[in-house]
Protein backbone atom coordinates (compact mmCIF):
# COMPACT_ATOMS: atom_id res chain seq x y z
CA MET A 1 0.00 0.00 0.00
CA LYS A 2 1.33 3.45 -0.92
CA PRO A 3 1.88 5.98 1.92
CA SER A 4 0.09 8.65 -0.14
CA PRO A 5 -1.98 8.66 -3.35
CA ASP A 6 -0.62 9.57 -6.79
CA PRO A 7 -2.34 12.02 -9.18
CA SER A 8 -3.59 8.99 -11.13
CA ASP A 9 -5.57 7.96 -8.02
CA PHE A 10 -7.87 11.00 -8.45
CA PRO A 11 -10.16 10.05 -11.39
CA LEU A 12 -12.13 13.33 -11.30
CA ALA A 13 -9.06 15.56 -11.57
CA VAL A 14 -9.13 18.06 -14.46
CA GLU A 15 -5.49 19.23 -14.24
CA THR A 16 -2.26 18.44 -12.37
CA GLU A 17 0.99 20.36 -12.01
CA ASP A 18 4.39 19.79 -10.34
CA ASP A 19 7.06 22.02 -8.79
CA LEU A 20 4.77 24.63 -7.29
CA THR A 21 5.66 26.71 -4.24
CA LEU A 22 3.86 27.30 -0.96
CA GLU A 23 3.87 30.55 0.98
CA GLU A 24 3.97 28.62 4.26
CA VAL A 25 7.13 26.56 3.48
CA SER A 26 10.01 28.42 1.88
CA GLY A 27 11.89 26.42 -0.75
CA ALA A 28 9.41 23.54 -0.78
CA LYS A 29 8.04 22.18 -4.05
CA VAL A 30 4.64 20.54 -4.15
CA GLN A 31 2.31 18.85 -6.61
CA VAL A 32 -1.32 19.90 -7.04
CA VAL A 33 -4.29 17.88 -8.35
CA GLY A 34 -6.93 20.31 -9.60
CA HIS A 35 -10.67 19.58 -9.46
CA LYS A 36 -13.67 21.48 -10.80
CA VAL A 37 -15.68 23.42 -8.20
CA GLN A 38 -19.41 24.16 -8.35
CA PHE A 39 -21.77 26.50 -6.52
CA ASP A 40 -24.76 25.21 -4.56
CA PRO A 41 -27.43 27.98 -4.67
CA ASN A 42 -29.50 26.37 -1.92
CA ARG A 43 -26.67 26.22 0.63
CA GLN A 44 -24.86 29.27 -0.80
CA LEU A 45 -21.58 27.32 -0.72
CA TRP A 46 -18.95 26.20 -3.18
CA PHE A 47 -18.27 22.46 -3.27
CA CYS A 48 -16.09 19.94 -5.09
CA ASP A 49 -16.50 16.20 -5.69
CA ILE A 50 -13.26 14.29 -5.08
CA GLN A 51 -12.78 10.58 -5.68
CA ILE A 52 -9.70 8.71 -4.45
CA ASN A 53 -8.68 5.21 -5.47
CA PRO A 54 -7.64 3.37 -2.26
CA GLU A 55 -6.27 0.35 -4.18
CA SER A 56 -6.05 -2.55 -1.70
CA ALA A 57 -6.47 -0.41 1.45
CA TYR A 58 -9.70 -1.00 3.38
CA PHE A 59 -11.28 2.10 4.96
CA PRO A 60 -8.01 4.11 4.91
CA PHE A 61 -7.76 7.49 6.60
CA VAL A 62 -6.94 10.45 4.36
CA ARG A 63 -6.26 14.09 5.14
CA LEU A 64 -6.33 16.63 2.33
CA ALA A 65 -4.34 19.86 2.04
CA LEU A 66 -6.71 22.19 0.16
CA VAL A 67 -5.76 25.28 -1.86
CA ARG A 68 -7.18 27.52 -4.56
CA TYR A 69 -5.29 26.70 -7.76
CA GLN A 70 -4.84 29.18 -10.63
CA PRO A 71 -3.22 27.21 -13.50
CA LYS A 72 -2.71 30.29 -15.70
CA SER A 73 -0.97 32.42 -13.07
CA ILE A 74 2.70 33.52 -13.23
CA LYS A 75 5.43 30.92 -12.80
CA ASN A 76 9.20 31.15 -13.28
CA ALA A 77 12.19 28.97 -12.44
CA LYS A 78 12.23 29.96 -8.76
CA ASP A 79 8.65 30.52 -7.66
CA ASP A 80 5.06 31.08 -8.72
CA CYS A 81 1.76 32.46 -7.46
CA LYS A 82 -0.55 29.65 -8.49
CA LEU A 83 -1.56 28.36 -5.04
CA SER A 84 -3.36 30.07 -2.18
CA LYS A 85 -2.56 29.44 1.46
CA VAL A 86 -3.19 25.86 2.55
CA VAL A 87 -6.22 24.75 4.56
CA ILE A 88 -5.80 21.34 6.20
CA ALA A 89 -9.02 19.29 6.19
CA ASP A 90 -10.07 16.91 8.95
CA PHE A 91 -9.18 13.24 8.74
CA ALA A 92 -11.75 11.20 6.81
CA GLN A 93 -12.12 7.54 5.85
CA LEU A 94 -12.64 6.33 2.29
CA VAL A 95 -15.70 4.09 2.09
CA PRO A 96 -15.21 0.85 0.12
CA ASP A 97 -17.29 0.27 -3.01
CA ARG A 98 -20.32 -1.98 -2.64
CA THR A 99 -22.75 -3.30 -5.28
CA ALA A 100 -25.98 -4.88 -4.04
CA GLY A 101 -28.63 -6.74 -6.00
CA VAL A 102 -31.64 -9.04 -5.65
CA SER A 103 -32.89 -11.84 -7.90
CA PHE A 104 -35.83 -14.23 -7.54
CA ASP A 105 -36.33 -17.96 -7.78
CA ALA A 106 -38.67 -19.36 -10.44
CA ALA A 107 -41.71 -19.07 -8.16
CA GLY A 108 -40.94 -15.46 -7.30
CA ARG A 109 -41.19 -16.05 -3.54
CA LEU A 110 -37.50 -16.43 -2.62
CA ALA A 111 -35.28 -13.34 -2.89
CA ASN A 112 -31.58 -14.02 -3.42
CA VAL A 113 -29.56 -11.10 -2.02
CA SER A 114 -25.95 -10.51 -3.08
CA VAL A 115 -23.37 -7.84 -2.27
CA MET A 116 -20.00 -7.47 -3.99
CA GLY A 117 -17.11 -5.28 -2.91
CA GLY A 118 -13.73 -4.89 -1.30
CA ALA A 119 -12.62 -7.67 1.01
CA ALA A 120 -13.37 -7.14 4.70
CA GLY A 121 -13.99 -9.13 7.86
CA THR A 122 -17.34 -7.49 8.49
CA GLN A 123 -20.89 -8.66 9.19
CA MET A 124 -23.50 -8.19 6.44
CA GLU A 125 -27.24 -8.46 7.12
CA ALA A 126 -30.36 -8.26 4.95
CA THR A 127 -33.83 -7.48 6.30
CA LEU A 128 -37.17 -7.72 4.48
CA GLU A 129 -39.45 -4.73 5.03
CA THR A 130 -43.07 -4.04 4.08
CA ARG A 131 -45.06 -0.82 3.89
CA GLN A 132 -47.63 0.06 6.54
CA ALA A 133 -50.96 1.12 5.15
CA GLY A 134 -51.70 4.81 5.60
CA VAL A 135 -48.16 5.85 6.56
CA PRO A 136 -46.47 7.82 3.76
CA GLY A 137 -42.76 8.21 3.09
CA ALA A 138 -39.84 6.34 4.59
CA LEU A 139 -41.57 6.00 7.98
CA GLY A 140 -44.13 3.68 6.37
CA TRP A 141 -41.61 0.88 5.98
CA VAL A 142 -41.35 -1.63 8.85
CA PRO A 143 -39.37 -4.90 9.17
CA VAL A 144 -41.18 -8.16 8.52
CA PRO A 145 -40.97 -10.20 11.77
CA ASP A 146 -38.10 -12.72 11.87
CA SER A 147 -36.89 -11.74 8.39
CA THR A 148 -33.31 -10.62 9.10
CA ALA A 149 -30.68 -12.95 7.61
CA GLU A 150 -26.91 -12.75 7.97
CA LEU A 151 -25.26 -12.99 4.55
CA ALA A 152 -22.48 -15.52 4.08
CA ALA A 153 -19.12 -14.12 2.94
CA LYS A 154 -16.89 -15.70 0.29
CA ALA A 155 -13.54 -14.41 -0.95
CA ILE A 156 -13.52 -13.96 -4.73
CA SER A 157 -9.94 -12.68 -4.78
CA ASP A 158 -7.51 -11.06 -2.37
CA ARG A 159 -9.35 -7.75 -2.91
CA ILE A 160 -12.98 -8.73 -3.62
CA SER A 161 -15.55 -10.52 -1.47
CA ALA A 162 -19.12 -11.62 -2.11
CA TRP A 163 -21.89 -11.82 0.48
CA THR A 164 -24.98 -13.90 -0.34
CA GLY A 165 -28.19 -14.93 1.39
CA ARG A 166 -31.91 -15.62 0.89
CA LEU A 167 -35.10 -14.02 2.16
CA GLN A 168 -38.51 -15.71 1.96
CA LEU A 169 -41.39 -13.46 0.93
CA PRO A 170 -44.33 -14.18 3.27
CA GLY A 171 -47.86 -15.08 2.16
CA ASP A 172 -49.05 -14.38 -1.35
CA GLN A 173 -48.40 -10.63 -1.43
CA PRO A 174 -46.69 -9.36 -4.60
CA PRO A 175 -42.97 -8.54 -4.45
CA GLU A 176 -43.76 -4.86 -5.02
CA ARG A 177 -45.05 -4.70 -1.45
CA PHE A 178 -41.55 -5.35 -0.08
CA ARG A 179 -38.05 -3.98 -0.05
CA VAL A 180 -34.70 -5.32 1.19
CA VAL A 181 -32.49 -3.28 3.52
CA VAL A 182 -28.83 -4.33 3.50
CA LYS A 183 -26.55 -3.28 6.37
CA GLU A 184 -22.86 -3.93 6.90
CA TYR A 185 -21.30 -3.73 10.36
CA GLU A 186 -17.68 -3.46 11.39
CA LEU A 187 -16.98 -5.52 14.51
CA TYR A 188 -14.75 -4.37 17.35
CA ARG A 189 -14.01 -5.30 20.94
CA VAL A 190 -15.51 -3.21 23.74
CA ASP A 191 -14.80 -3.00 27.44
CA PRO A 192 -16.79 -5.43 29.60
CA PRO A 193 -19.28 -3.94 32.08
CA PRO A 194 -18.06 -3.27 35.63
CA PRO A 195 -18.12 -6.36 37.90
CA GLY A 196 -21.14 -5.09 39.82
CA GLU A 197 -23.19 -4.80 36.60
CA ARG A 198 -22.40 -8.24 35.16
CA ALA A 199 -24.84 -11.12 35.30
CA PRO A 200 -23.67 -13.90 37.69
CA ALA A 201 -23.11 -16.33 34.81
CA ALA A 202 -20.86 -13.81 33.07
CA ALA A 203 -18.87 -12.77 36.14
CA MET A 204 -15.94 -14.99 35.17
CA MET A 205 -16.02 -14.06 31.47
CA VAL A 206 -12.49 -13.41 30.22
CA ALA A 207 -13.00 -12.50 26.55
CA ALA A 208 -14.05 -8.90 25.87
CA PRO A 209 -17.57 -8.50 24.42
CA MET A 210 -18.00 -7.37 20.81
CA GLY A 211 -19.58 -4.20 19.56
CA ARG A 212 -20.33 -3.10 16.01
CA ARG A 213 -20.82 0.06 13.97
CA LEU A 214 -22.72 0.58 10.73
CA VAL A 215 -20.35 1.18 7.78
CA TYR A 216 -22.64 0.58 4.77
CA ALA A 217 -26.39 0.52 4.09
CA ASP A 218 -28.48 0.12 0.95
CA VAL A 219 -32.19 -0.13 0.14
CA LEU A 220 -33.45 -2.31 -2.72
CA ARG A 221 -37.05 -2.08 -3.87
CA LEU A 222 -38.44 -5.39 -5.11
CA GLY A 223 -40.34 -5.78 -8.35
CA ARG A 224 -41.80 -8.57 -10.37
CA PRO A 225 -39.37 -11.44 -11.10
CA ALA A 226 -39.38 -10.63 -14.82
CA ALA A 227 -37.99 -7.17 -14.09
CA GLY A 228 -34.61 -8.57 -13.07
CA PRO A 229 -32.53 -7.02 -10.26
CA ALA A 230 -34.35 -4.72 -7.90
CA GLU A 231 -33.95 -0.98 -8.26
CA GLU A 232 -32.48 1.16 -5.53
CA GLU A 233 -34.87 3.05 -3.26
CA GLU A 234 -35.16 6.76 -4.04
CA GLY A 235 -34.70 9.43 -1.41
């Protein structure tokens, strides 16, 4: 894994340039990767979409040094005035790519859920939800009782994994009445509760309990089997 990304790791870059100077560090030469900025009239803010290729790194931390870049400004052999003062952004993690889909069996009652993406030792779950009558919007969707299934992971390569599982559609309701919610959790160890708060049977427990945090979620609306993979939920 590289200690820092190369310009080629920024697929949305519109221009790059080497050997530029910074006002903050005398004599230093830096490289800039320019991106197009846009104005959001609703928020009254300028923004920029930046993509970074993490290669084989899973959830790596990145910290960007941000400047205004003027590619047509003056530059000579010693210095230039193409870069503004640097603003250091907060640390952020790059989220791994995930592709989720649903297919049906011949009878149209068994939903096969699959997720593809970067390899990880995480826990992936799929839950079947149905819409409550008379409740509009996202709040109208509720889990079908006992419908959560943990997806089984299989390594496709050293960088790609596949998670698969099945959900049974209840009764004779059409698939359009349901959707699948996929959630991925990262597992981590947490401190055990104080001795006075432990259950008697767990008082001698040595291993630390496990916690988890949500790192990926997707919503897949179901359609008729002939329609193929389900479409992603809007909103």
